[in-house]
Structure formats: C-alpha cells, structure tokens
Amino acid sequence: MLQQALDFREESEAVFALLNGLDDRDWGKKTQFKAWTINDIVAHLHMGDYAADLSLQDTNAFLDLVKEFTVGRQQHGRLAFTHVWLDGLRDRALLHRWRTFSLEMAGRFAVADPKKRVQWFGPDMSVRSSITARLMETWAHSQAIYDLLGQTRTNTARIKNVVVMGVNTFGWTFTNRKLAVPTDIPYLRLSAPSGEIWEWNQPDQANRIEGSAVEFCQVVTQVRNIADTSLRVSGDTATRWMAIAQCFAGPPEEPPAPGSRFR
C-alpha cells in the first residue's frame, strides 16, 4: 500500500471532520486566501482530486479535461470555471461529493505503482508525487479554513510529506522565476509535531533553516509569510529561498504579505 495515499486519505478525513460541523451560513464566508470562500476552496480541491485521479486511470480523458479547463479558464476565469464544471454544486452536497471521491481515489492510488508516470497540467510526475501533491494541496488550502473558523489544526507526522515536497522543489522555486539555482541548498533542522527532529542536507551553521516543521510547510505552501513564523534562517541562500519558496506547480506566485494570513 502506498503510504502517501493513506496519508492523503487521513488528511482529507481530518478536513472533512472540520467542515462537517459547519453552519449553513459558513460556506459563503470569505477566507484570507484571495477572499475565496469555503465553497471555493472545497470546489478547487475536488476538481484537483478529480483531475489527478483521471490522470491515473485514463490519460486521454485527462488530456481532454485539460483542454476543457484551458478553454473554460479563458472564458470564465479559473475559479468561476470550477463552479461551472461542478454545475453549481455547493455547501454540504459539495462537501459529501468531495469526501466520497477522495476516499475512493485514495484507494486507487494506494494500490497503484508508485513509480508509474502520470500526466499533469505541467510536467508529468510519478504516482507517488501526484498523490503527495494532492495531500499538500489539501493541507495547504484547508489552513485558510482553520484560520477563518479560529480553529487550531492538530498536525501529525503526515506533514513530513509536505516538508519533503518543499525540499524537493528548492530548485523549482528558482527556475520557475528564471533565476539561477544556488548550488548550496540549505541545511534543514525541523521539529516534527511529535518533537522528533527531522534533518535534510549537510549541517551548515552559515546556511540553515531551523524551527517548526509546520511553519516550514506553511512557508513553502505560501499560507504564511516567513515574517509571521518563528523559523530561524541563516545565510543568503536560505534567506532568498524562504522569501519566494513555492512547492506547488504553476506560474510564480508571491507569498502573502506579512501579517495578512494568520489567525
């Protein structure tokens, strides 16, 4: 069984537990993420899950979806097209469709060959990377909902998947902005939710990032500005990376302004 698929399922279930207690009036409330509502976030997650699952099962059907999405985005805008694609499905009906599908999808990824290559909107990737990306998106986008509702998330070792994605996209952060990739990737020393220490790369006093693994994940997924964390960053390369870190695909995105996204 592919562990990342099981972790995705558990993360999705944690978010479902949060959303299942919403009042009917909550779904239209705007979050700090681009003023997206809770409905917008769940719709976005569901479409991403659907696309990833289609890429696993039927490449041609996935490519047809990409064409449909490209045209729809040009006509309506990305988020508006997502709601058109869902035919107006909203609120608790949307929640239950997303939840049911995510559970089924996790089961299919769990038994898939983790090294199989699958298509995506950008470069293709492995099955393992695809489901890890869905876990990352679920974790990252749901942070805006936790913040809006004033809830503190209980993080687990599942976030190690997000840390790994953040580390693996060090080079992507720079090349995506047409910048030269530094050769001295920083040393990471992060505290896991359990208190365990996670480390990556060679120890280096002059080029390092230390602190909470949760806060590192918040920075690389751009749900927090580095200034709104207690991460300790030393050295030019580490500082430059944390200022623009982006572990997700797509064109370069600027991190949120300091103080703009936190509970």
Protein backbone atom coordinates (compact mmCIF):
# COMPACT_ATOMS: atom_id res chain seq x y z
CA MET A 1 0.00 0.00 0.00
CA LEU A 2 1.35 3.42 -0.98
CA GLN A 3 1.79 5.29 2.30
CA GLN A 4 1.30 8.72 0.73
CA ALA A 5 -2.15 7.63 -0.45
CA LEU A 6 -3.06 6.55 3.08
CA ASP A 7 -1.74 9.86 4.41
CA PHE A 8 -3.82 11.74 1.81
CA ARG A 9 -6.92 9.86 2.95
CA GLU A 10 -6.27 10.69 6.60
CA GLU A 11 -5.61 14.36 5.83
CA SER A 12 -8.81 14.57 3.80
CA GLU A 13 -10.75 12.96 6.64
CA ALA A 14 -9.33 15.47 9.11
CA VAL A 15 -10.52 18.31 6.90
CA PHE A 16 -13.91 16.64 6.46
CA ALA A 17 -14.29 16.48 10.24
CA LEU A 18 -13.66 20.23 10.39
CA LEU A 19 -16.10 21.01 7.57
CA ASN A 20 -18.82 18.62 8.69
CA GLY A 21 -19.59 20.84 11.66
CA LEU A 22 -20.13 24.00 9.63
CA ASP A 23 -23.24 26.06 9.95
CA ASP A 24 -25.10 26.63 6.65
CA ARG A 25 -24.08 30.30 6.81
CA ASP A 26 -20.37 29.46 6.98
CA TRP A 27 -19.97 28.19 3.43
CA GLY A 28 -20.09 31.63 1.85
CA LYS A 29 -17.69 33.28 4.29
CA LYS A 30 -14.52 34.68 2.75
CA THR A 31 -11.14 33.43 3.91
CA GLN A 32 -7.82 35.27 3.94
CA PHE A 33 -6.77 33.30 0.84
CA LYS A 34 -7.60 35.62 -2.08
CA ALA A 35 -11.03 36.16 -0.48
CA TRP A 36 -12.02 32.64 -1.53
CA THR A 37 -15.00 31.24 0.33
CA ILE A 38 -15.08 27.83 1.94
CA ASN A 39 -17.17 26.70 -1.02
CA ASP A 40 -14.45 27.94 -3.37
CA ILE A 41 -11.74 26.01 -1.55
CA VAL A 42 -13.64 22.72 -1.44
CA ALA A 43 -14.59 23.10 -5.11
CA HIS A 44 -10.94 23.70 -6.02
CA LEU A 45 -9.77 20.69 -4.01
CA HIS A 46 -12.38 18.44 -5.58
CA MET A 47 -11.51 19.44 -9.13
CA GLY A 48 -7.82 18.88 -8.41
CA ASP A 49 -8.53 15.46 -6.97
CA TYR A 50 -10.72 14.55 -9.93
CA ALA A 51 -8.01 15.59 -12.38
CA ALA A 52 -5.29 13.64 -10.54
CA ASP A 53 -7.47 10.54 -10.38
CA LEU A 54 -8.27 10.82 -14.09
CA SER A 55 -4.56 11.10 -14.90
CA LEU A 56 -4.03 7.82 -13.04
CA GLN A 57 -6.85 5.97 -14.77
CA ASP A 58 -7.22 7.40 -18.29
CA THR A 59 -4.55 9.59 -19.89
CA ASN A 60 -6.66 10.51 -22.92
CA ALA A 61 -9.61 11.52 -20.76
CA PHE A 62 -7.27 13.60 -18.61
CA LEU A 63 -5.90 15.40 -21.66
CA ASP A 64 -9.47 16.14 -22.76
CA LEU A 65 -10.11 17.64 -19.31
CA VAL A 66 -7.02 19.81 -19.67
CA LYS A 67 -8.38 21.20 -22.95
CA GLU A 68 -11.78 21.81 -21.35
CA PHE A 69 -10.17 23.51 -18.37
CA THR A 70 -7.95 25.69 -20.58
CA VAL A 71 -10.91 26.96 -22.61
CA GLY A 72 -13.08 27.36 -19.52
CA ARG A 73 -10.42 29.31 -17.67
CA GLN A 74 -10.09 31.71 -20.60
CA GLN A 75 -13.85 32.20 -20.79
CA HIS A 76 -14.75 32.37 -17.12
CA GLY A 77 -11.57 32.54 -15.05
CA ARG A 78 -10.09 29.63 -13.14
CA LEU A 79 -12.29 29.65 -10.06
CA ALA A 80 -15.50 30.57 -11.86
CA PHE A 81 -14.98 27.72 -14.33
CA THR A 82 -14.54 25.30 -11.45
CA HIS A 83 -18.04 26.19 -10.24
CA VAL A 84 -19.38 25.90 -13.80
CA TRP A 85 -17.77 22.46 -14.06
CA LEU A 86 -19.48 21.47 -10.81
CA ASP A 87 -22.82 22.69 -12.21
CA GLY A 88 -23.36 24.88 -9.17
CA LEU A 89 -22.90 22.14 -6.56
CA ARG A 90 -22.27 23.84 -3.23
CA ASP A 91 -22.34 23.61 0.54
CA ARG A 92 -22.91 20.22 2.17
CA ALA A 93 -23.72 18.49 -1.12
CA LEU A 94 -20.30 19.57 -2.41
CA LEU A 95 -18.67 18.50 0.84
CA HIS A 96 -20.04 14.97 0.59
CA ARG A 97 -19.15 14.60 -3.08
CA TRP A 98 -15.59 15.72 -2.34
CA ARG A 99 -15.31 13.39 0.65
CA THR A 100 -16.73 10.34 -1.13
CA PHE A 101 -14.49 10.88 -4.13
CA SER A 102 -11.34 11.46 -2.08
CA LEU A 103 -11.84 8.16 -0.25
CA GLU A 104 -12.35 6.25 -3.50
CA MET A 105 -9.38 8.00 -5.09
CA ALA A 106 -7.10 7.21 -2.14
CA GLY A 107 -7.95 3.54 -2.56
CA ARG A 108 -6.96 3.58 -6.22
CA PHE A 109 -3.67 5.38 -5.57
CA ALA A 110 -2.86 3.10 -2.64
CA VAL A 111 -2.54 0.05 -4.92
CA ALA A 112 -1.00 1.82 -7.94
CA ASP A 113 2.63 1.50 -8.99
CA PRO A 114 4.29 4.45 -7.18
CA LYS A 115 6.85 4.86 -10.00
CA LYS A 116 4.32 4.99 -12.83
CA ARG A 117 4.41 8.32 -14.70
CA VAL A 118 1.18 10.28 -14.96
CA GLN A 119 0.29 13.44 -16.88
CA TRP A 120 -0.42 16.77 -15.22
CA PHE A 121 -1.12 20.37 -16.18
CA GLY A 122 2.62 20.99 -16.02
CA PRO A 123 5.39 18.37 -16.28
CA ASP A 124 4.39 14.75 -15.77
CA MET A 125 5.23 13.10 -12.45
CA SER A 126 5.25 9.81 -10.62
CA VAL A 127 2.14 8.38 -8.97
CA ARG A 128 3.83 8.91 -5.59
CA SER A 129 4.45 12.59 -6.38
CA SER A 130 0.91 13.03 -7.72
CA ILE A 131 -0.84 11.85 -4.57
CA THR A 132 1.68 13.70 -2.39
CA ALA A 133 0.80 16.87 -4.27
CA ARG A 134 -2.89 16.27 -3.53
CA LEU A 135 -2.08 15.82 0.18
CA MET A 136 -0.08 19.06 0.10
CA GLU A 137 -2.92 20.97 -1.59
CA THR A 138 -5.46 19.62 0.90
CA TRP A 139 -3.28 20.57 3.86
CA ALA A 140 -2.38 24.00 2.48
CA HIS A 141 -5.79 25.17 1.29
CA SER A 142 -7.56 23.96 4.41
CA GLN A 143 -5.32 26.21 6.53
CA ALA A 144 -7.36 29.19 5.36
CA ILE A 145 -10.49 27.47 6.71
CA TYR A 146 -8.88 26.70 10.06
CA ASP A 147 -7.85 30.35 10.28
CA LEU A 148 -11.31 31.64 9.35
CA LEU A 149 -13.01 29.43 11.92
CA GLY A 150 -10.46 30.19 14.63
CA GLN A 151 -9.51 26.54 14.90
CA THR A 152 -6.03 25.21 15.66
CA ARG A 153 -5.08 22.25 13.49
CA THR A 154 -3.71 19.11 15.12
CA ASN A 155 -0.76 18.25 12.89
CA THR A 156 0.78 14.80 12.67
CA ALA A 157 3.75 13.12 11.03
CA ARG A 158 1.78 13.30 7.74
CA ILE A 159 3.22 16.76 7.18
CA LYS A 160 6.62 15.17 6.54
CA ASN A 161 5.28 14.59 3.02
CA VAL A 162 4.87 18.36 2.64
CA VAL A 163 8.34 19.02 4.03
CA VAL A 164 9.83 16.58 1.50
CA MET A 165 7.94 18.30 -1.31
CA GLY A 166 9.25 21.64 -0.09
CA VAL A 167 12.83 20.34 -0.05
CA ASN A 168 12.48 18.67 -3.46
CA THR A 169 11.20 21.88 -5.06
CA PHE A 170 14.13 24.03 -3.89
CA GLY A 171 15.44 24.22 -7.46
CA TRP A 172 11.95 24.66 -8.94
CA THR A 173 11.40 27.76 -6.82
CA PHE A 174 14.27 29.48 -8.63
CA THR A 175 13.93 28.05 -12.15
CA ASN A 176 10.22 28.89 -12.13
CA ARG A 177 11.26 32.52 -11.74
CA LYS A 178 14.05 32.19 -14.33
CA LEU A 179 16.68 32.59 -11.62
CA ALA A 180 19.91 30.64 -11.33
CA VAL A 181 19.57 27.76 -8.88
CA PRO A 182 22.01 28.10 -5.97
CA THR A 183 24.31 25.14 -5.54
CA ASP A 184 24.33 25.34 -1.74
CA ILE A 185 20.92 24.01 -0.71
CA PRO A 186 20.46 24.92 2.97
CA TYR A 187 20.60 22.56 5.92
CA LEU A 188 17.19 21.98 7.50
CA ARG A 189 16.69 21.07 11.14
CA LEU A 190 12.98 20.94 11.90
CA SER A 191 10.90 19.88 14.88
CA ALA A 192 8.14 17.43 13.98
CA PRO A 193 4.73 17.65 15.67
CA SER A 194 5.85 14.76 17.90
CA GLY A 195 9.00 16.62 18.96
CA GLU A 196 11.24 14.41 16.83
CA ILE A 197 13.97 16.23 14.90
CA TRP A 198 13.89 15.96 11.10
CA GLU A 199 17.01 16.88 9.17
CA TRP A 200 17.88 17.36 5.49
CA ASN A 201 21.17 18.14 3.74
CA GLN A 202 24.61 18.64 5.24
CA PRO A 203 24.87 20.50 8.57
CA ASP A 204 25.94 24.09 7.94
CA GLN A 205 26.00 26.84 10.55
CA ALA A 206 26.11 29.58 7.92
CA ASN A 207 23.32 28.35 5.62
CA ARG A 208 20.48 26.78 7.55
CA ILE A 209 16.79 26.85 8.47
CA GLU A 210 15.69 25.76 11.93
CA GLY A 211 12.38 25.61 13.72
CA SER A 212 8.93 24.11 13.39
CA ALA A 213 8.25 21.68 10.55
CA VAL A 214 4.68 23.01 10.50
CA GLU A 215 5.89 26.56 9.94
CA PHE A 216 8.31 25.41 7.23
CA CYS A 217 5.35 23.77 5.47
CA GLN A 218 3.33 26.96 5.83
CA VAL A 219 6.09 28.95 4.13
CA VAL A 220 6.74 26.59 1.19
CA THR A 221 2.99 26.28 0.52
CA GLN A 222 2.64 30.07 0.85
CA VAL A 223 -0.03 30.06 3.53
CA ARG A 224 2.21 32.23 5.74
CA ASN A 225 4.87 34.82 5.14
CA ILE A 226 8.24 33.86 6.62
CA ALA A 227 7.98 37.01 8.79
CA ASP A 228 4.92 35.53 10.53
CA THR A 229 6.80 32.44 11.69
CA SER A 230 9.49 31.78 14.27
CA LEU A 231 11.75 29.97 11.79
CA ARG A 232 15.41 30.84 12.23
CA VAL A 233 17.03 31.45 8.85
CA SER A 234 20.77 31.97 8.35
CA GLY A 235 22.66 32.72 5.14
CA ASP A 236 21.93 34.30 1.77
CA THR A 237 20.65 31.19 0.00
CA ALA A 238 18.34 30.17 2.85
CA THR A 239 17.00 33.73 3.11
CA ARG A 240 16.39 34.01 -0.64
CA TRP A 241 14.64 30.62 -0.72
CA MET A 242 12.29 31.33 2.16
CA ALA A 243 11.36 34.71 0.65
CA ILE A 244 9.96 33.10 -2.53
CA ALA A 245 9.53 29.38 -1.69
CA GLN A 246 6.85 27.67 -3.80
CA CYS A 247 6.35 23.91 -3.67
CA PHE A 248 3.34 23.83 -6.00
CA ALA A 249 3.15 23.87 -9.80
CA GLY A 250 2.08 26.79 -11.91
CA PRO A 251 3.48 30.25 -12.64
CA PRO A 252 5.42 32.08 -9.91
CA GLU A 253 3.24 33.19 -7.03
CA GLU A 254 4.22 35.79 -4.47
CA PRO A 255 3.93 34.79 -0.81
CA PRO A 256 1.22 36.56 1.20
CA ALA A 257 2.19 39.91 2.65
CA PRO A 258 3.44 39.87 6.26
CA GLY A 259 0.56 39.81 8.69
CA SER A 260 -2.07 39.07 6.05
CA ARG A 261 -2.69 35.38 6.75
CA PHE A 262 -2.76 34.24 10.30
CA ARG A 263 -5.38 33.60 12.96
